[in-house]
C-alpha atoms as a PDB file:
ATOM      1  CA  UNK A   1       0.430  -0.209   0.328  1.00  0.00           C
ATOM      2  CA  UNK A   2       2.818   1.958   1.009  1.00  0.00           C
ATOM      3  CA  UNK A   3       4.326   2.263  -2.804  1.00  0.00           C
ATOM      4  CA  UNK A   4       0.729   2.735  -4.609  1.00  0.00           C
ATOM      5  CA  UNK A   5       1.042   6.475  -2.218  1.00  0.00           C
ATOM      6  CA  UNK A   6       4.276   6.679  -3.414  1.00  0.00           C
ATOM      7  CA  UNK A   7       3.798   6.524  -6.713  1.00  0.00           C
ATOM      8  CA  UNK A   8       1.925   9.740  -6.304  1.00  0.00           C
ATOM      9  CA  UNK A   9       5.308  11.350  -5.950  1.00  0.00           C
ATOM     10  CA  UNK A  10       6.734  10.116  -9.426  1.00  0.00           C
ATOM     11  CA  UNK A  11       3.450  13.151 -11.027  1.00  0.00           C
ATOM     12  CA  UNK A  12       5.697  15.807  -9.909  1.00  0.00           C
ATOM     13  CA  UNK A  13       8.457  15.114 -12.118  1.00  0.00           C
ATOM     14  CA  UNK A  14       5.917  13.994 -15.176  1.00  0.00           C
ATOM     15  CA  UNK A  15       5.623  17.735 -16.612  1.00  0.00           C
ATOM     16  CA  UNK A  16       9.439  18.171 -16.808  1.00  0.00           C
ATOM     17  CA  UNK A  17      10.101  14.900 -19.111  1.00  0.00           C
ATOM     18  CA  UNK A  18      11.710  15.441 -23.124  1.00  0.00           C
ATOM     19  CA  UNK A  19       8.451  13.814 -24.168  1.00  0.00           C
ATOM     20  CA  UNK A  20       5.245  14.708 -26.449  1.00  0.00           C
ATOM     21  CA  UNK A  21       2.251  16.060 -24.164  1.00  0.00           C
ATOM     22  CA  UNK A  22       0.322  12.692 -25.036  1.00  0.00           C
ATOM     23  CA  UNK A  23       2.956  10.728 -24.110  1.00  0.00           C
ATOM     24  CA  UNK A  24       2.905  12.752 -20.626  1.00  0.00           C
ATOM     25  CA  UNK A  25      -0.843  11.889 -20.161  1.00  0.00           C
ATOM     26  CA  UNK A  26      -0.221   7.831 -20.960  1.00  0.00           C
ATOM     27  CA  UNK A  27       2.118   7.991 -18.927  1.00  0.00           C
ATOM     28  CA  UNK A  28       0.343  10.099 -15.776  1.00  0.00           C
ATOM     29  CA  UNK A  29      -2.866   7.509 -17.267  1.00  0.00           C
ATOM     30  CA  UNK A  30      -1.165   4.191 -16.445  1.00  0.00           C
ATOM     31  CA  UNK A  31       0.787   5.568 -13.199  1.00  0.00           C
ATOM     32  CA  UNK A  32      -2.890   6.453 -11.043  1.00  0.00           C
ATOM     33  CA  UNK A  33      -3.841   3.037 -12.378  1.00  0.00           C
ATOM     34  CA  UNK A  34      -0.802   1.390 -11.053  1.00  0.00           C
ATOM     35  CA  UNK A  35      -0.957   3.352  -8.011  1.00  0.00           C
ATOM     36  CA  UNK A  36      -4.883   2.596  -7.097  1.00  0.00           C
ATOM     37  CA  UNK A  37      -3.794  -1.335  -8.448  1.00  0.00           C
ATOM     38  CA  UNK A  38      -0.742  -1.339  -6.072  1.00  0.00           C
ATOM     39  CA  UNK A  39      -3.016   0.017  -3.295  1.00  0.00           C
ATOM     40  CA  UNK A  40      -6.107  -2.696  -3.701  1.00  0.00           C
ATOM     41  CA  UNK A  41      -4.421  -5.614  -3.933  1.00  0.00           C
ATOM     42  CA  UNK A  42      -1.643  -4.419  -0.930  1.00  0.00           C
ATOM     43  CA  UNK A  43      -5.934  -4.305   0.757  1.00  0.00           C
ATOM     44  CA  UNK A  44      -6.253  -7.790  -0.428  1.00  0.00           C
ATOM     45  CA  UNK A  45      -2.940  -8.705   1.428  1.00  0.00           C
ATOM     46  CA  UNK A  46      -4.390  -6.869   4.570  1.00  0.00           C
ATOM     47  CA  UNK A  47      -7.133  -9.296   5.382  1.00  0.00           C
ATOM     48  CA  UNK A  48     -10.188  -8.638   6.874  1.00  0.00           C
ATOM     49  CA  UNK A  49      -8.376  -6.697   9.626  1.00  0.00           C
ATOM     50  CA  UNK A  50      -6.598  -4.492   6.774  1.00  0.00           C
ATOM     51  CA  UNK A  51     -10.757  -4.047   5.664  1.00  0.00           C
ATOM     52  CA  UNK A  52     -12.131  -2.833   8.330  1.00  0.00           C
ATOM     53  CA  UNK A  53      -9.380  -0.435   8.821  1.00  0.00           C
ATOM     54  CA  UNK A  54      -9.381   1.015   6.114  1.00  0.00           C
ATOM     55  CA  UNK A  55     -13.364   1.232   5.692  1.00  0.00           C
ATOM     56  CA  UNK A  56     -13.058   2.571   9.750  1.00  0.00           C
ATOM     57  CA  UNK A  57     -10.935   5.409   7.939  1.00  0.00           C
ATOM     58  CA  UNK A  58     -12.834   6.262   4.369  1.00  0.00           C
ATOM     59  CA  UNK A  59     -15.369   6.727   7.392  1.00  0.00           C
ATOM     60  CA  UNK A  60     -13.390   9.623   9.340  1.00  0.00           C
ATOM     61  CA  UNK A  61     -12.472  10.794   6.203  1.00  0.00           C
ATOM     62  CA  UNK A  62     -16.020  11.103   4.790  1.00  0.00           C
ATOM     63  CA  UNK A  63     -18.216  11.745   7.668  1.00  0.00           C
ATOM     64  CA  UNK A  64     -20.526  14.120   8.184  1.00  0.00           C
ATOM     65  CA  UNK A  65     -20.426  16.675  10.872  1.00  0.00           C
END
């Protein structure tokens, strides 16, 4: 899961790459998809305890006050 968040740091580098805008967009979309894929794989590997923790965490983030 931690690796999935690390990929987002790479998005800061994308605008400075010496490639076309279309390639930069493709890199960004691919990075986004890989990041979420790694996050969900990490969640599955964490098992029921990890799932319960994430569910609780998201409830706190989106809870209406």
